[in-house]
C-alpha atoms as a PDB file:
ATOM      1  CA  MET A   1     115.929 110.102  99.626  1.00  0.00           C
ATOM      2  CA  LYS A   2     113.200 108.722 101.375  1.00  0.00           C
ATOM      3  CA  VAL A   3     111.837 110.353 104.143  1.00  0.00           C
ATOM      4  CA  LEU A   4     109.143 108.821 106.941  1.00  0.00           C
ATOM      5  CA  CYS A   5     106.716 111.112 108.405  1.00  0.00           C
ATOM      6  CA  VAL A   6     104.567 110.040 111.401  1.00  0.00           C
ATOM      7  CA  GLY A   7     100.885 110.903 112.192  1.00  0.00           C
ATOM      8  CA  ASP A   8     100.106 112.638 115.613  1.00  0.00           C
ATOM      9  CA  VAL A   9     101.834 110.787 118.257  1.00  0.00           C
ATOM     10  CA  VAL A  10      99.425 110.314 121.427  1.00  0.00           C
ATOM     11  CA  SER A  11     100.562 109.637 125.149  1.00  0.00           C
ATOM     12  CA  ARG A  12     102.543 106.693 126.185  1.00  0.00           C
ATOM     13  CA  VAL A  13     100.924 104.355 123.492  1.00  0.00           C
ATOM     14  CA  GLY A  14     102.049 106.639 120.729  1.00  0.00           C
ATOM     15  CA  ARG A  15     105.399 106.888 122.264  1.00  0.00           C
ATOM     16  CA  ASP A  16     105.971 102.798 122.783  1.00  0.00           C
ATOM     17  CA  MET A  17     104.401 102.512 118.878  1.00  0.00           C
ATOM     18  CA  LEU A  18     107.371 104.965 117.853  1.00  0.00           C
ATOM     19  CA  PHE A  19     109.741 102.930 119.756  1.00  0.00           C
ATOM     20  CA  ARG A  20     108.428  99.717 117.889  1.00  0.00           C
ATOM     21  CA  TYR A  21     108.177 100.676 114.576  1.00  0.00           C
ATOM     22  CA  VAL A  22     110.524 103.438 113.575  1.00  0.00           C
ATOM     23  CA  GLU A  23     113.873 102.147 113.455  1.00  0.00           C
ATOM     24  CA  GLU A  24     112.339  98.477 111.934  1.00  0.00           C
ATOM     25  CA  LEU A  25     110.834 101.117 109.299  1.00  0.00           C
ATOM     26  CA  LYS A  26     114.173 102.365 108.641  1.00  0.00           C
ATOM     27  CA  TYR A  27     116.183  99.328 108.559  1.00  0.00           C
ATOM     28  CA  GLN A  28     113.754  97.853 106.057  1.00  0.00           C
ATOM     29  CA  LYS A  29     113.154 100.688 103.925  1.00  0.00           C
ATOM     30  CA  ASN A  30     116.092 102.368 103.915  1.00  0.00           C
ATOM     31  CA  ILE A  31     114.849 105.746 105.684  1.00  0.00           C
ATOM     32  CA  ASP A  32     117.063 108.654 105.225  1.00  0.00           C
ATOM     33  CA  PHE A  33     114.795 111.436 107.577  1.00  0.00           C
ATOM     34  CA  VAL A  34     112.028 110.804 109.973  1.00  0.00           C
ATOM     35  CA  ILE A  35     109.554 113.685 110.247  1.00  0.00           C
ATOM     36  CA  VAL A  36     107.158 113.209 113.862  1.00  0.00           C
ATOM     37  CA  ASN A  37     103.882 115.715 114.745  1.00  0.00           C
ATOM     38  CA  GLY A  38     104.548 115.128 118.158  1.00  0.00           C
ATOM     39  CA  GLU A  39     102.120 118.208 119.650  1.00  0.00           C
ATOM     40  CA  ASN A  40      99.955 115.402 121.568  1.00  0.00           C
ATOM     41  CA  SER A  41     102.592 113.172 123.150  1.00  0.00           C
ATOM     42  CA  ASN A  42     102.430 114.513 126.219  1.00  0.00           C
ATOM     43  CA  HIS A  43      99.010 112.894 127.473  1.00  0.00           C
ATOM     44  CA  GLY A  44      97.437 114.090 124.463  1.00  0.00           C
ATOM     45  CA  ARG A  45      98.722 118.259 124.985  1.00  0.00           C
ATOM     46  CA  GLY A  46     101.975 119.552 124.133  1.00  0.00           C
ATOM     47  CA  MET A  47     105.143 118.237 124.622  1.00  0.00           C
ATOM     48  CA  THR A  48     107.158 118.007 127.399  1.00  0.00           C
ATOM     49  CA  ARG A  49     111.277 117.800 127.768  1.00  0.00           C
ATOM     50  CA  SER A  50     110.591 113.435 128.268  1.00  0.00           C
ATOM     51  CA  CYS A  51     108.882 113.164 126.091  1.00  0.00           C
ATOM     52  CA  TYR A  52     111.271 114.905 123.514  1.00  0.00           C
ATOM     53  CA  ASN A  53     114.070 112.929 124.762  1.00  0.00           C
ATOM     54  CA  GLU A  54     111.589 109.259 124.611  1.00  0.00           C
ATOM     55  CA  MET A  55     111.033 110.119 120.946  1.00  0.00           C
ATOM     56  CA  LYS A  56     114.571 111.208 119.817  1.00  0.00           C
ATOM     57  CA  ARG A  57     115.175 107.582 121.158  1.00  0.00           C
ATOM     58  CA  ALA A  58     112.942 105.931 119.046  1.00  0.00           C
ATOM     59  CA  GLY A  59     114.416 107.972 115.798  1.00  0.00           C
ATOM     60  CA  ALA A  60     112.933 111.024 114.805  1.00  0.00           C
ATOM     61  CA  ASP A  61     114.856 113.439 113.572  1.00  0.00           C
ATOM     62  CA  VAL A  62     112.375 116.619 113.573  1.00  0.00           C
ATOM     63  CA  PHE A  63     109.138 117.248 115.250  1.00  0.00           C
ATOM     64  CA  THR A  64     106.297 119.183 114.034  1.00  0.00           C
ATOM     65  CA  MET A  65     103.638 120.673 116.099  1.00  0.00           C
ATOM     66  CA  GLY A  66      99.982 121.842 115.921  1.00  0.00           C
ATOM     67  CA  ASN A  67      97.340 123.649 117.676  1.00  0.00           C
ATOM     68  CA  HIS A  68      97.983 122.436 120.980  1.00  0.00           C
ATOM     69  CA  VAL A  69     101.688 123.346 120.604  1.00  0.00           C
ATOM     70  CA  TRP A  70     101.875 125.395 123.881  1.00  0.00           C
ATOM     71  CA  GLY A  71      99.950 122.640 126.131  1.00  0.00           C
ATOM     72  CA  ALA A  72     103.302 121.769 127.594  1.00  0.00           C
ATOM     73  CA  LYS A  73     105.130 125.069 128.792  1.00  0.00           C
ATOM     74  CA  GLU A  74     108.919 123.330 128.878  1.00  0.00           C
ATOM     75  CA  VAL A  75     108.328 122.895 124.943  1.00  0.00           C
ATOM     76  CA  ILE A  76     109.605 126.669 124.438  1.00  0.00           C
ATOM     77  CA  SER A  77     113.100 125.435 126.414  1.00  0.00           C
ATOM     78  CA  VAL A  78     113.212 122.351 124.330  1.00  0.00           C
ATOM     79  CA  MET A  79     112.877 124.533 121.309  1.00  0.00           C
ATOM     80  CA  GLU A  80     115.725 126.913 121.824  1.00  0.00           C
ATOM     81  CA  GLN A  81     118.089 124.439 123.061  1.00  0.00           C
ATOM     82  CA  GLU A  82     117.568 122.021 120.826  1.00  0.00           C
ATOM     83  CA  GLY A  83     116.630 123.742 117.628  1.00  0.00           C
ATOM     84  CA  ASP A  84     114.834 120.803 115.837  1.00  0.00           C
ATOM     85  CA  VAL A  85     111.316 121.375 116.651  1.00  0.00           C
ATOM     86  CA  ILE A  86     109.327 123.598 115.163  1.00  0.00           C
ATOM     87  CA  ARG A  87     105.510 125.534 115.528  1.00  0.00           C
ATOM     88  CA  PRO A  88     103.530 126.480 112.942  1.00  0.00           C
ATOM     89  CA  LEU A  89     104.726 129.345 110.774  1.00  0.00           C
ATOM     90  CA  ASN A  90     101.867 131.415 110.368  1.00  0.00           C
ATOM     91  CA  MET A  91     101.178 131.936 113.839  1.00  0.00           C
ATOM     92  CA  GLN A  92      99.697 135.038 115.037  1.00  0.00           C
ATOM     93  CA  GLY A  93     101.803 137.465 116.837  1.00  0.00           C
ATOM     94  CA  ASN A  94     105.633 137.071 118.207  1.00  0.00           C
ATOM     95  CA  GLN A  95     105.279 133.803 119.795  1.00  0.00           C
ATOM     96  CA  PRO A  96     108.389 131.593 120.835  1.00  0.00           C
ATOM     97  CA  GLY A  97     110.087 129.261 118.141  1.00  0.00           C
ATOM     98  CA  CYS A  98     110.406 128.757 114.358  1.00  0.00           C
ATOM     99  CA  GLY A  99     108.177 127.868 111.725  1.00  0.00           C
ATOM    100  CA  SER A 100     110.686 126.019 110.003  1.00  0.00           C
ATOM    101  CA  VAL A 101     114.210 124.480 110.113  1.00  0.00           C
ATOM    102  CA  ILE A 102     116.825 123.138 107.543  1.00  0.00           C
ATOM    103  CA  MET A 103     118.625 120.001 108.689  1.00  0.00           C
ATOM    104  CA  THR A 104     120.989 117.252 107.121  1.00  0.00           C
ATOM    105  CA  ALA A 105     119.646 114.097 106.411  1.00  0.00           C
ATOM    106  CA  ARG A 106     121.658 110.567 106.532  1.00  0.00           C
ATOM    107  CA  ASN A 107     122.614 110.700 102.926  1.00  0.00           C
ATOM    108  CA  GLY A 108     124.207 113.949 103.530  1.00  0.00           C
ATOM    109  CA  LYS A 109     121.370 115.979 101.644  1.00  0.00           C
ATOM    110  CA  LYS A 110     119.438 119.256 103.045  1.00  0.00           C
ATOM    111  CA  ILE A 111     115.926 118.591 103.700  1.00  0.00           C
ATOM    112  CA  GLY A 112     113.543 121.643 104.755  1.00  0.00           C
ATOM    113  CA  ILE A 113     110.519 120.922 106.825  1.00  0.00           C
ATOM    114  CA  ILE A 114     107.328 123.939 106.764  1.00  0.00           C
ATOM    115  CA  ASN A 115     104.854 123.506 109.797  1.00  0.00           C
ATOM    116  CA  LEU A 116     101.719 125.462 108.834  1.00  0.00           C
ATOM    117  CA  ILE A 117      97.944 125.757 110.682  1.00  0.00           C
ATOM    118  CA  GLY A 118      95.367 125.863 109.071  1.00  0.00           C
ATOM    119  CA  GLN A 119      92.419 128.950 109.677  1.00  0.00           C
ATOM    120  CA  VAL A 120      89.392 127.022 109.248  1.00  0.00           C
ATOM    121  CA  ASN A 121      88.161 125.842 113.209  1.00  0.00           C
ATOM    122  CA  MET A 122      91.202 126.279 114.297  1.00  0.00           C
ATOM    123  CA  LEU A 123      93.064 129.055 116.324  1.00  0.00           C
ATOM    124  CA  PRO A 124      93.186 132.750 114.590  1.00  0.00           C
ATOM    125  CA  CYS A 125      96.199 132.915 112.469  1.00  0.00           C
ATOM    126  CA  ASN A 126      97.584 134.502 109.772  1.00  0.00           C
ATOM    127  CA  SER A 127      97.145 132.721 105.908  1.00  0.00           C
ATOM    128  CA  PRO A 128      99.184 129.650 105.507  1.00  0.00           C
ATOM    129  CA  PHE A 129      99.298 130.406 101.756  1.00  0.00           C
ATOM    130  CA  ASP A 130     100.971 134.015 102.138  1.00  0.00           C
ATOM    131  CA  ALA A 131     103.231 132.765 105.053  1.00  0.00           C
ATOM    132  CA  VAL A 132     104.697 129.293 103.086  1.00  0.00           C
ATOM    133  CA  GLU A 133     105.363 130.750  99.642  1.00  0.00           C
ATOM    134  CA  LYS A 134     107.565 133.440 101.259  1.00  0.00           C
ATOM    135  CA  GLU A 135     109.411 130.602 103.216  1.00  0.00           C
ATOM    136  CA  ILE A 136     110.148 128.243 100.863  1.00  0.00           C
ATOM    137  CA  GLU A 137     111.731 130.782  98.260  1.00  0.00           C
ATOM    138  CA  LYS A 138     114.334 130.958 101.214  1.00  0.00           C
ATOM    139  CA  ILE A 139     114.556 127.269 101.637  1.00  0.00           C
ATOM    140  CA  ARG A 140     115.106 126.599  98.410  1.00  0.00           C
ATOM    141  CA  GLU A 141     118.204 128.699  97.882  1.00  0.00           C
ATOM    142  CA  ILE A 142     119.592 126.296  99.794  1.00  0.00           C
ATOM    143  CA  THR A 143     117.676 122.953  99.179  1.00  0.00           C
ATOM    144  CA  PRO A 144     115.136 121.615  96.415  1.00  0.00           C
ATOM    145  CA  ILE A 145     114.092 118.912  99.016  1.00  0.00           C
ATOM    146  CA  ILE A 146     110.836 120.593 101.135  1.00  0.00           C
ATOM    147  CA  PHE A 147     108.335 119.114 103.697  1.00  0.00           C
ATOM    148  CA  VAL A 148     105.122 120.588 104.609  1.00  0.00           C
ATOM    149  CA  ASP A 149     102.837 119.403 107.859  1.00  0.00           C
ATOM    150  CA  PHE A 150      99.861 121.166 107.234  1.00  0.00           C
ATOM    151  CA  HIS A 151      98.038 120.967 110.820  1.00  0.00           C
ATOM    152  CA  ALA A 152      94.228 121.555 109.800  1.00  0.00           C
ATOM    153  CA  GLU A 153      90.730 120.470 110.239  1.00  0.00           C
ATOM    154  CA  VAL A 154      89.371 120.303 106.775  1.00  0.00           C
ATOM    155  CA  THR A 155      90.103 117.901 103.906  1.00  0.00           C
ATOM    156  CA  SER A 156      89.166 120.779 101.418  1.00  0.00           C
ATOM    157  CA  GLU A 157      91.931 123.422 102.878  1.00  0.00           C
ATOM    158  CA  LYS A 158      94.260 120.412 103.346  1.00  0.00           C
ATOM    159  CA  MET A 159      93.717 119.570  99.779  1.00  0.00           C
ATOM    160  CA  ALA A 160      93.671 123.152  98.575  1.00  0.00           C
ATOM    161  CA  MET A 161      97.018 123.452  99.793  1.00  0.00           C
ATOM    162  CA  GLY A 162      98.592 120.437  98.269  1.00  0.00           C
ATOM    163  CA  TYR A 163      97.684 121.982  94.840  1.00  0.00           C
ATOM    164  CA  PHE A 164      98.710 125.010  95.692  1.00  0.00           C
ATOM    165  CA  LEU A 165     102.093 123.977  96.654  1.00  0.00           C
ATOM    166  CA  ASP A 166     102.293 121.086  94.188  1.00  0.00           C
ATOM    167  CA  GLY A 167     105.735 121.725  92.144  1.00  0.00           C
ATOM    168  CA  LYS A 168     106.857 124.129  94.778  1.00  0.00           C
ATOM    169  CA  VAL A 169     107.865 121.239  97.595  1.00  0.00           C
ATOM    170  CA  SER A 170     108.698 117.832  97.541  1.00  0.00           C
ATOM    171  CA  ALA A 171     105.602 116.937 100.188  1.00  0.00           C
ATOM    172  CA  VAL A 172     102.598 117.753 101.605  1.00  0.00           C
ATOM    173  CA  PHE A 173     100.936 115.905 104.356  1.00  0.00           C
ATOM    174  CA  GLY A 174      98.158 116.852 106.560  1.00  0.00           C
ATOM    175  CA  THR A 175      98.046 116.134 110.491  1.00  0.00           C
ATOM    176  CA  HIS A 176      95.239 117.221 113.116  1.00  0.00           C
ATOM    177  CA  THR A 177      92.383 115.173 112.285  1.00  0.00           C
ATOM    178  CA  HIS A 178      93.798 111.658 113.788  1.00  0.00           C
ATOM    179  CA  ILE A 179      92.213 109.790 110.790  1.00  0.00           C
ATOM    180  CA  GLN A 180      94.471 108.433 108.180  1.00  0.00           C
ATOM    181  CA  THR A 181      93.114 109.246 104.761  1.00  0.00           C
ATOM    182  CA  ALA A 182      93.508 106.922 101.866  1.00  0.00           C
ATOM    183  CA  ASP A 183      94.649 109.614  99.328  1.00  0.00           C
ATOM    184  CA  ALA A 184      98.419 109.379  99.237  1.00  0.00           C
ATOM    185  CA  LYS A 185      99.428 110.204  96.012  1.00  0.00           C
ATOM    186  CA  ILE A 186     101.481 112.056  94.028  1.00  0.00           C
ATOM    187  CA  LEU A 187     100.231 115.297  91.917  1.00  0.00           C
ATOM    188  CA  ASP A 188     101.057 116.544  88.413  1.00  0.00           C
ATOM    189  CA  GLY A 189     103.745 118.821  89.367  1.00  0.00           C
ATOM    190  CA  GLY A 190     105.460 116.190  91.343  1.00  0.00           C
ATOM    191  CA  THR A 191     104.407 116.994  95.079  1.00  0.00           C
ATOM    192  CA  GLY A 192     103.825 113.969  97.020  1.00  0.00           C
ATOM    193  CA  TYR A 193     100.626 114.165  99.023  1.00  0.00           C
ATOM    194  CA  ILE A 194      98.260 112.616 101.474  1.00  0.00           C
ATOM    195  CA  THR A 195      95.275 114.304 103.429  1.00  0.00           C
ATOM    196  CA  ASP A 196      95.971 113.208 106.882  1.00  0.00           C
ATOM    197  CA  LEU A 197      98.530 110.933 108.015  1.00  0.00           C
ATOM    198  CA  GLY A 198      96.700 109.777 110.810  1.00  0.00           C
ATOM    199  CA  MET A 199      97.298 108.768 114.311  1.00  0.00           C
ATOM    200  CA  THR A 200     100.344 107.131 116.302  1.00  0.00           C
ATOM    201  CA  GLY A 201      98.559 105.973 119.712  1.00  0.00           C
ATOM    202  CA  PRO A 202      96.064 104.194 121.032  1.00  0.00           C
ATOM    203  CA  LYS A 203      94.064 102.045 118.666  1.00  0.00           C
ATOM    204  CA  ASP A 204      90.468 101.406 120.456  1.00  0.00           C
ATOM    205  CA  SER A 205      89.927 104.967 121.268  1.00  0.00           C
ATOM    206  CA  VAL A 206      88.218 107.993 119.452  1.00  0.00           C
ATOM    207  CA  LEU A 207      91.043 109.935 118.522  1.00  0.00           C
ATOM    208  CA  GLY A 208      93.199 108.625 121.302  1.00  0.00           C
ATOM    209  CA  MET A 209      90.784 109.683 123.818  1.00  0.00           C
ATOM    210  CA  ASN A 210      88.937 106.892 126.332  1.00  0.00           C
ATOM    211  CA  LYS A 211      85.841 106.244 123.752  1.00  0.00           C
ATOM    212  CA  THR A 212      83.231 105.628 126.353  1.00  0.00           C
ATOM    213  CA  ILE A 213      83.617 109.304 127.641  1.00  0.00           C
ATOM    214  CA  ILE A 214      83.284 110.478 124.087  1.00  0.00           C
ATOM    215  CA  ILE A 215      80.154 108.702 123.232  1.00  0.00           C
ATOM    216  CA  ASN A 216      78.544 109.738 126.463  1.00  0.00           C
ATOM    217  CA  ARG A 217      79.117 113.229 125.516  1.00  0.00           C
ATOM    218  CA  PHE A 218      77.309 112.706 121.893  1.00  0.00           C
ATOM    219  CA  ILE A 219      74.602 111.294 123.624  1.00  0.00           C
ATOM    220  CA  HIS A 220      73.856 113.500 126.581  1.00  0.00           C
ATOM    221  CA  THR A 221      75.449 116.411 125.152  1.00  0.00           C
ATOM    222  CA  MET A 222      76.981 117.324 128.674  1.00  0.00           C
ATOM    223  CA  PRO A 223      80.483 118.144 129.458  1.00  0.00           C
ATOM    224  CA  GLN A 224      83.014 115.464 129.836  1.00  0.00           C
ATOM    225  CA  LYS A 225      86.362 115.426 131.074  1.00  0.00           C
ATOM    226  CA  PHE A 226      88.459 113.756 128.411  1.00  0.00           C
ATOM    227  CA  GLU A 227      90.836 111.062 129.399  1.00  0.00           C
ATOM    228  CA  ILE A 228      93.795 109.492 127.153  1.00  0.00           C
ATOM    229  CA  ALA A 229      92.721 105.458 126.181  1.00  0.00           C
ATOM    230  CA  THR A 230      94.891 102.629 127.245  1.00  0.00           C
ATOM    231  CA  GLY A 231      95.871  99.746 125.541  1.00  0.00           C
ATOM    232  CA  LYS A 232      97.025  98.409 122.394  1.00  0.00           C
ATOM    233  CA  GLY A 233      98.369 101.125 119.483  1.00  0.00           C
ATOM    234  CA  GLN A 234      98.135 101.821 116.125  1.00  0.00           C
ATOM    235  CA  PHE A 235     101.138 103.230 113.877  1.00  0.00           C
ATOM    236  CA  CYS A 236     100.633 105.732 111.049  1.00  0.00           C
ATOM    237  CA  GLY A 237     102.463 107.590 108.581  1.00  0.00           C
ATOM    238  CA  CYS A 238     103.636 107.379 104.855  1.00  0.00           C
ATOM    239  CA  ILE A 239     107.001 107.403 102.688  1.00  0.00           C
ATOM    240  CA  PHE A 240     107.857 109.746 100.540  1.00  0.00           C
ATOM    241  CA  THR A 241     111.054 108.987  98.384  1.00  0.00           C
ATOM    242  CA  VAL A 242     112.329 111.957  96.618  1.00  0.00           C
ATOM    243  CA  ASP A 243     114.874 112.433  94.161  1.00  0.00           C
ATOM    244  CA  ASP A 244     117.846 114.439  95.707  1.00  0.00           C
ATOM    245  CA  ASP A 245     118.772 117.015  92.699  1.00  0.00           C
ATOM    246  CA  SER A 246     115.127 117.770  92.032  1.00  0.00           C
ATOM    247  CA  GLY A 247     113.342 117.429  95.196  1.00  0.00           C
ATOM    248  CA  LYS A 248     110.623 115.955  93.152  1.00  0.00           C
ATOM    249  CA  CYS A 249     108.764 112.953  94.896  1.00  0.00           C
ATOM    250  CA  THR A 250     108.608 109.821  93.210  1.00  0.00           C
ATOM    251  CA  ASP A 251     106.942 107.259  95.624  1.00  0.00           C
ATOM    252  CA  VAL A 252     104.465 107.823  98.223  1.00  0.00           C
ATOM    253  CA  GLU A 253     103.669 104.272 100.585  1.00  0.00           C
ATOM    254  CA  ARG A 254     101.577 105.006 103.005  1.00  0.00           C
ATOM    255  CA  ILE A 255     101.515 103.122 106.552  1.00  0.00           C
ATOM    256  CA  TYR A 256      99.430 101.769 108.596  1.00  0.00           C
ATOM    257  CA  THR A 257     100.104  98.765 110.972  1.00  0.00           C
ATOM    258  CA  GLU A 258      98.306  97.918 114.509  1.00  0.00           C
ATOM    259  CA  GLU A 259      98.934  95.699 117.596  1.00  0.00           C
ATOM    260  CA  MET A 260      97.101  92.653 117.593  1.00  0.00           C
END
């Protein structure tokens, strides 16, 4: 099985990049399943029904979220009605939605997807390490193919999760920082790993935001109203090839492309 994982989609520019590249990659790379982090798809915060519909038409199969999961209130109804949008498993309290889902890929095999959020410099949450182990046990009763989106701020926490889950899941990929890391690899236990997929959105920006505003905030240390950047886009992600029977990763291909 080949699974395409796409990093944080930001705004209209990011959604347009999905239309430009996802179906092409499906054809060229024989992709069986597409996981997209959609928490920034609505103008940088949350995911609306219209954003969801667009990204589904562009070829996404399931959506993971993060700290901006409730940025657009209608995402709750999308979660309830569609069943293919998940929020971080280890969020505190009795929050709407689910933290994992099992779906069927194009090759007919079942695939489990788990969404986690980090504890360092993020929203208050329960331990992602405790939460994920229990969820893996349940999913492995149905399928050995399990993908984990760890939406976290610091690289050390993401790397620790990768090694913690090595041999237990098919792949661990980080999201949230919007900067793609160059460390895509297969760990010793057969788990594919990348610290951060990067951002799919405006390339001439600071994390998808208007760069002039961000620069002025750093220089003058005064509050600034963030604005989404416009212009040409970039597409970031990773393709993990997984053995259908064992669930182990056999190949990792980092994807980065931008409009010229």
